[in-house]
Amino acid sequence: MRNIINLGFAVLFMFSAGAIAHGDVKLESSSPSDNAMLMNSPEQLTLTYSKPLRLMKVSITGNETGEVNFDFRPTAEKQAAYTWQLKDLKPDTYTVEWIAMGGDGHKMKASFSFIVH
């Protein structure tokens, strides 16, 4: 019985340690920022993370204009900051979605939106 309890604590510790290891990487800032209301099209998209990670996918999609084509390529090297030049975005509400691979091998994903008037 004691071995089963010890095994249960070991499994619980492994899962909580993994959650902590990958939970401490976050998007610290972006440009445009979440919920930004811009009068002009942004010249670039910048994502800055709390720790280096590998970006697997980044997409920008307008509610009316659809997916925005920009020069995203998955990264082989870990970085904490990424920047891409953007073409002129038409007035619309845009959603940026990203998927990254953390140092512990877990996938992380999130999204944010901004408006171009």
N, C-alpha and C. Protein backbone atom coordinates (compact mmCIF):
# COMPACT_ATOMS: atom_id res chain seq x y z
N MET A 1 0.82 -1.19 0.00
CA MET A 1 0.00 0.00 0.00
C MET A 1 0.87 1.26 0.00
N ARG A 2 1.92 1.25 0.81
CA ARG A 2 2.82 2.40 0.89
C ARG A 2 3.47 2.67 -0.46
N ASN A 3 3.85 1.61 -1.21
CA ASN A 3 4.47 1.79 -2.53
C ASN A 3 3.49 2.45 -3.51
N ILE A 4 2.23 2.09 -3.42
CA ILE A 4 1.23 2.68 -4.30
C ILE A 4 1.08 4.18 -4.00
N ILE A 5 1.07 4.54 -2.74
CA ILE A 5 0.97 5.95 -2.36
C ILE A 5 2.20 6.71 -2.83
N ASN A 6 3.39 6.13 -2.63
CA ASN A 6 4.62 6.79 -3.09
C ASN A 6 4.63 6.96 -4.61
N LEU A 7 4.14 5.94 -5.33
CA LEU A 7 4.06 6.03 -6.77
C LEU A 7 3.09 7.14 -7.19
N GLY A 8 1.98 7.24 -6.47
CA GLY A 8 1.00 8.30 -6.76
C GLY A 8 1.59 9.69 -6.57
N PHE A 9 2.36 9.88 -5.50
CA PHE A 9 3.02 11.17 -5.27
C PHE A 9 4.06 11.46 -6.34
N ALA A 10 4.78 10.44 -6.77
CA ALA A 10 5.80 10.63 -7.80
C ALA A 10 5.16 11.06 -9.12
N VAL A 11 4.05 10.43 -9.49
CA VAL A 11 3.36 10.78 -10.74
C VAL A 11 2.80 12.20 -10.62
N LEU A 12 2.19 12.52 -9.50
CA LEU A 12 1.65 13.86 -9.29
C LEU A 12 2.75 14.91 -9.38
N PHE A 13 3.91 14.65 -8.79
CA PHE A 13 5.04 15.58 -8.84
C PHE A 13 5.53 15.77 -10.27
N MET A 14 5.60 14.68 -11.04
CA MET A 14 6.07 14.78 -12.43
C MET A 14 5.13 15.68 -13.24
N PHE A 15 3.82 15.49 -13.10
CA PHE A 15 2.87 16.31 -13.86
C PHE A 15 2.91 17.76 -13.41
N SER A 16 3.00 18.01 -12.12
CA SER A 16 3.03 19.40 -11.66
C SER A 16 4.34 20.07 -12.04
N ALA A 17 5.45 19.36 -12.02
CA ALA A 17 6.74 19.94 -12.43
C ALA A 17 6.71 20.28 -13.91
N GLY A 18 6.11 19.44 -14.73
CA GLY A 18 6.00 19.72 -16.15
C GLY A 18 5.13 20.93 -16.41
N ALA A 19 4.06 21.06 -15.67
CA ALA A 19 3.18 22.21 -15.84
C ALA A 19 3.89 23.50 -15.46
N ILE A 20 4.66 23.46 -14.39
CA ILE A 20 5.41 24.64 -13.97
C ILE A 20 6.47 24.97 -15.00
N ALA A 21 7.18 23.97 -15.51
CA ALA A 21 8.27 24.21 -16.45
C ALA A 21 7.76 24.88 -17.72
N HIS A 22 6.60 24.47 -18.21
CA HIS A 22 6.15 25.06 -19.45
C HIS A 22 5.20 26.21 -19.22
N GLY A 23 4.67 26.31 -18.02
CA GLY A 23 3.76 27.40 -17.71
C GLY A 23 4.44 28.72 -17.46
N ASP A 24 5.75 28.73 -17.27
CA ASP A 24 6.41 29.99 -16.97
C ASP A 24 6.87 30.74 -18.22
N VAL A 25 6.68 30.19 -19.41
CA VAL A 25 6.97 30.90 -20.65
C VAL A 25 5.68 31.55 -21.11
N LYS A 26 5.74 32.86 -21.33
CA LYS A 26 4.53 33.56 -21.75
C LYS A 26 4.89 34.67 -22.72
N LEU A 27 3.90 35.11 -23.45
CA LEU A 27 4.05 36.25 -24.34
C LEU A 27 4.07 37.49 -23.45
N GLU A 28 5.22 38.15 -23.37
CA GLU A 28 5.34 39.33 -22.53
C GLU A 28 4.80 40.58 -23.19
N SER A 29 5.03 40.69 -24.50
CA SER A 29 4.53 41.86 -25.22
C SER A 29 4.39 41.55 -26.69
N SER A 30 3.58 42.35 -27.35
CA SER A 30 3.42 42.23 -28.80
C SER A 30 3.22 43.63 -29.36
N SER A 31 3.56 43.77 -30.62
CA SER A 31 3.29 45.00 -31.34
C SER A 31 2.77 44.60 -32.71
N PRO A 32 1.50 44.90 -33.00
CA PRO A 32 0.53 45.60 -32.19
C PRO A 32 0.18 44.80 -30.93
N SER A 33 -0.28 45.52 -29.92
CA SER A 33 -0.64 44.87 -28.67
C SER A 33 -2.07 44.33 -28.74
N ASP A 34 -2.40 43.48 -27.79
CA ASP A 34 -3.74 42.91 -27.71
C ASP A 34 -4.76 44.04 -27.54
N ASN A 35 -5.82 43.99 -28.33
CA ASN A 35 -6.91 44.97 -28.31
C ASN A 35 -6.51 46.36 -28.78
N ALA A 36 -5.37 46.49 -29.46
CA ALA A 36 -4.96 47.79 -29.98
C ALA A 36 -5.94 48.26 -31.04
N MET A 37 -6.20 49.56 -31.06
CA MET A 37 -7.03 50.19 -32.10
C MET A 37 -6.13 51.15 -32.85
N LEU A 38 -5.76 50.77 -34.06
CA LEU A 38 -4.77 51.52 -34.83
C LEU A 38 -5.43 52.35 -35.92
N MET A 39 -4.94 53.56 -36.11
CA MET A 39 -5.45 54.43 -37.17
C MET A 39 -4.77 54.10 -38.51
N ASN A 40 -3.58 53.49 -38.45
CA ASN A 40 -2.84 53.11 -39.65
C ASN A 40 -2.43 51.65 -39.56
N SER A 41 -2.14 51.06 -40.69
CA SER A 41 -1.66 49.68 -40.73
C SER A 41 -0.31 49.58 -40.00
N PRO A 42 -0.11 48.56 -39.17
CA PRO A 42 1.20 48.40 -38.53
C PRO A 42 2.24 47.99 -39.57
N GLU A 43 3.46 48.47 -39.40
CA GLU A 43 4.54 48.12 -40.33
C GLU A 43 5.12 46.75 -40.06
N GLN A 44 4.99 46.30 -38.80
CA GLN A 44 5.55 44.99 -38.45
C GLN A 44 4.77 44.35 -37.32
N LEU A 45 4.97 43.05 -37.19
CA LEU A 45 4.45 42.26 -36.08
C LEU A 45 5.65 41.84 -35.25
N THR A 46 5.61 42.13 -33.94
CA THR A 46 6.68 41.74 -33.03
C THR A 46 6.09 40.96 -31.87
N LEU A 47 6.66 39.81 -31.57
CA LEU A 47 6.26 38.99 -30.43
C LEU A 47 7.47 38.81 -29.53
N THR A 48 7.32 39.13 -28.24
CA THR A 48 8.41 39.01 -27.28
C THR A 48 7.96 38.11 -26.13
N TYR A 49 8.72 37.06 -25.89
CA TYR A 49 8.38 36.06 -24.88
C TYR A 49 9.28 36.18 -23.65
N SER A 50 8.83 35.60 -22.53
CA SER A 50 9.58 35.67 -21.29
C SER A 50 10.85 34.81 -21.32
N LYS A 51 10.88 33.82 -22.18
CA LYS A 51 12.05 32.94 -22.35
C LYS A 51 12.14 32.53 -23.81
N PRO A 52 13.32 32.16 -24.28
CA PRO A 52 13.45 31.69 -25.67
C PRO A 52 12.60 30.44 -25.92
N LEU A 53 12.01 30.39 -27.11
CA LEU A 53 11.23 29.24 -27.53
C LEU A 53 11.27 29.14 -29.04
N ARG A 54 10.78 28.03 -29.57
CA ARG A 54 10.72 27.81 -31.02
C ARG A 54 9.29 28.04 -31.48
N LEU A 55 9.11 28.98 -32.39
CA LEU A 55 7.79 29.21 -32.96
C LEU A 55 7.55 28.22 -34.09
N MET A 56 6.43 27.52 -34.01
CA MET A 56 6.07 26.53 -35.02
C MET A 56 5.11 27.12 -36.04
N LYS A 57 4.24 28.05 -35.59
CA LYS A 57 3.26 28.66 -36.49
C LYS A 57 2.86 30.02 -35.95
N VAL A 58 2.73 30.98 -36.84
CA VAL A 58 2.15 32.28 -36.53
C VAL A 58 1.25 32.64 -37.71
N SER A 59 0.02 33.02 -37.42
CA SER A 59 -0.89 33.43 -38.49
C SER A 59 -1.58 34.72 -38.09
N ILE A 60 -1.91 35.51 -39.10
CA ILE A 60 -2.70 36.73 -38.93
C ILE A 60 -3.90 36.59 -39.84
N THR A 61 -5.09 36.70 -39.28
CA THR A 61 -6.31 36.54 -40.05
C THR A 61 -7.25 37.69 -39.78
N GLY A 62 -7.71 38.34 -40.85
CA GLY A 62 -8.71 39.39 -40.74
C GLY A 62 -10.10 38.82 -40.81
N ASN A 63 -11.03 39.40 -40.04
CA ASN A 63 -12.41 38.91 -40.06
C ASN A 63 -13.00 38.98 -41.46
N GLU A 64 -12.70 40.05 -42.19
CA GLU A 64 -13.24 40.24 -43.54
C GLU A 64 -12.22 39.91 -44.63
N THR A 65 -10.96 40.19 -44.37
CA THR A 65 -9.94 40.06 -45.41
C THR A 65 -9.28 38.69 -45.47
N GLY A 66 -9.51 37.86 -44.48
CA GLY A 66 -8.92 36.51 -44.48
C GLY A 66 -7.47 36.50 -44.03
N GLU A 67 -6.77 35.42 -44.38
CA GLU A 67 -5.40 35.23 -43.90
C GLU A 67 -4.43 36.20 -44.58
N VAL A 68 -3.55 36.77 -43.76
CA VAL A 68 -2.54 37.71 -44.24
C VAL A 68 -1.28 36.93 -44.55
N ASN A 69 -0.75 37.12 -45.74
CA ASN A 69 0.49 36.46 -46.14
C ASN A 69 1.68 37.32 -45.69
N PHE A 70 2.53 36.76 -44.85
CA PHE A 70 3.76 37.43 -44.44
C PHE A 70 4.85 36.38 -44.33
N ASP A 71 6.06 36.78 -44.08
CA ASP A 71 7.22 35.90 -44.21
C ASP A 71 7.49 35.06 -42.96
N PHE A 72 6.46 34.33 -42.47
CA PHE A 72 6.70 33.45 -41.31
C PHE A 72 7.28 32.12 -41.78
N ARG A 73 8.30 31.67 -41.06
CA ARG A 73 8.85 30.33 -41.24
C ARG A 73 9.13 29.75 -39.86
N PRO A 74 8.79 28.47 -39.62
CA PRO A 74 9.11 27.88 -38.31
C PRO A 74 10.60 28.01 -38.01
N THR A 75 10.91 28.17 -36.74
CA THR A 75 12.30 28.39 -36.34
C THR A 75 12.96 27.12 -35.84
N ALA A 76 14.23 26.98 -36.14
CA ALA A 76 15.02 25.87 -35.62
C ALA A 76 15.71 26.28 -34.32
N GLU A 77 16.04 27.56 -34.23
CA GLU A 77 16.72 28.09 -33.04
C GLU A 77 15.69 28.74 -32.11
N LYS A 78 15.92 28.61 -30.82
CA LYS A 78 15.06 29.29 -29.84
C LYS A 78 15.43 30.77 -29.78
N GLN A 79 14.41 31.60 -29.69
CA GLN A 79 14.57 33.03 -29.54
C GLN A 79 13.52 33.53 -28.56
N ALA A 80 13.75 34.69 -27.99
CA ALA A 80 12.76 35.30 -27.11
C ALA A 80 11.97 36.39 -27.83
N ALA A 81 12.50 36.91 -28.94
CA ALA A 81 11.81 37.97 -29.68
C ALA A 81 11.83 37.67 -31.18
N TYR A 82 10.70 37.94 -31.82
CA TYR A 82 10.54 37.70 -33.26
C TYR A 82 9.89 38.92 -33.88
N THR A 83 10.31 39.29 -35.10
CA THR A 83 9.73 40.42 -35.81
C THR A 83 9.58 40.08 -37.29
N TRP A 84 8.43 40.46 -37.87
CA TRP A 84 8.17 40.28 -39.30
C TRP A 84 7.64 41.59 -39.86
N GLN A 85 8.06 41.93 -41.06
CA GLN A 85 7.52 43.08 -41.77
C GLN A 85 6.13 42.71 -42.30
N LEU A 86 5.21 43.67 -42.27
CA LEU A 86 3.86 43.44 -42.75
C LEU A 86 3.57 44.33 -43.94
N LYS A 87 2.80 43.81 -44.88
CA LYS A 87 2.30 44.61 -45.98
C LYS A 87 1.13 45.44 -45.44
N ASP A 88 0.68 46.39 -46.20
CA ASP A 88 -0.40 47.27 -45.80
C ASP A 88 -1.66 46.46 -45.48
N LEU A 89 -2.14 46.54 -44.23
CA LEU A 89 -3.35 45.85 -43.82
C LEU A 89 -4.56 46.76 -44.01
N LYS A 90 -5.60 46.23 -44.60
CA LYS A 90 -6.84 46.99 -44.81
C LYS A 90 -7.57 47.13 -43.48
N PRO A 91 -8.45 48.13 -43.37
CA PRO A 91 -9.25 48.25 -42.15
C PRO A 91 -10.02 46.96 -41.88
N ASP A 92 -9.85 46.42 -40.68
CA ASP A 92 -10.45 45.13 -40.31
C ASP A 92 -10.07 44.83 -38.87
N THR A 93 -10.67 43.79 -38.31
CA THR A 93 -10.25 43.24 -37.02
C THR A 93 -9.41 42.02 -37.32
N TYR A 94 -8.19 41.99 -36.79
CA TYR A 94 -7.23 40.92 -37.07
C TYR A 94 -6.96 40.10 -35.82
N THR A 95 -6.79 38.80 -36.02
CA THR A 95 -6.42 37.89 -34.93
C THR A 95 -5.06 37.29 -35.26
N VAL A 96 -4.15 37.37 -34.29
CA VAL A 96 -2.83 36.75 -34.40
C VAL A 96 -2.87 35.48 -33.55
N GLU A 97 -2.56 34.35 -34.15
CA GLU A 97 -2.48 33.07 -33.43
C GLU A 97 -1.07 32.55 -33.54
N TRP A 98 -0.55 32.02 -32.44
CA TRP A 98 0.80 31.45 -32.48
C TRP A 98 0.82 30.11 -31.75
N ILE A 99 1.71 29.25 -32.25
CA ILE A 99 1.98 27.95 -31.63
C ILE A 99 3.48 27.84 -31.46
N ALA A 100 3.92 27.48 -30.28
CA ALA A 100 5.36 27.40 -29.98
C ALA A 100 5.68 26.09 -29.29
N MET A 101 6.94 25.70 -29.37
CA MET A 101 7.46 24.53 -28.67
C MET A 101 8.33 25.04 -27.53
N GLY A 102 7.93 24.74 -26.31
CA GLY A 102 8.70 25.15 -25.14
C GLY A 102 9.93 24.28 -24.96
N GLY A 103 10.78 24.68 -24.05
CA GLY A 103 12.02 23.95 -23.77
C GLY A 103 11.79 22.53 -23.30
N ASP A 104 10.62 22.27 -22.70
CA ASP A 104 10.32 20.93 -22.21
C ASP A 104 9.59 20.08 -23.25
N GLY A 105 9.43 20.61 -24.47
CA GLY A 105 8.81 19.84 -25.55
C GLY A 105 7.30 19.98 -25.64
N HIS A 106 6.68 20.72 -24.73
CA HIS A 106 5.23 20.91 -24.79
C HIS A 106 4.86 22.02 -25.76
N LYS A 107 3.75 21.83 -26.48
CA LYS A 107 3.24 22.86 -27.36
C LYS A 107 2.44 23.87 -26.54
N MET A 108 2.62 25.13 -26.89
CA MET A 108 1.86 26.21 -26.27
C MET A 108 1.21 26.99 -27.41
N LYS A 109 0.00 27.49 -27.17
CA LYS A 109 -0.63 28.30 -28.19
C LYS A 109 -1.50 29.35 -27.53
N ALA A 110 -1.65 30.46 -28.24
CA ALA A 110 -2.49 31.55 -27.75
C ALA A 110 -2.81 32.45 -28.93
N SER A 111 -3.66 33.42 -28.68
CA SER A 111 -4.03 34.37 -29.72
C SER A 111 -4.35 35.72 -29.09
N PHE A 112 -4.32 36.75 -29.92
CA PHE A 112 -4.75 38.09 -29.52
C PHE A 112 -5.25 38.81 -30.76
N SER A 113 -5.95 39.92 -30.54
CA SER A 113 -6.55 40.64 -31.66
C SER A 113 -6.21 42.12 -31.63
N PHE A 114 -6.30 42.75 -32.79
CA PHE A 114 -6.16 44.19 -32.90
C PHE A 114 -7.03 44.68 -34.05
N ILE A 115 -7.28 45.98 -34.08
CA ILE A 115 -8.14 46.57 -35.09
C ILE A 115 -7.36 47.63 -35.86
N VAL A 116 -7.52 47.62 -37.19
CA VAL A 116 -7.01 48.70 -38.02
C VAL A 116 -8.24 49.44 -38.53
N HIS A 117 -8.33 50.75 -38.22
CA HIS A 117 -9.48 51.58 -38.64
C HIS A 117 -9.28 52.07 -40.04
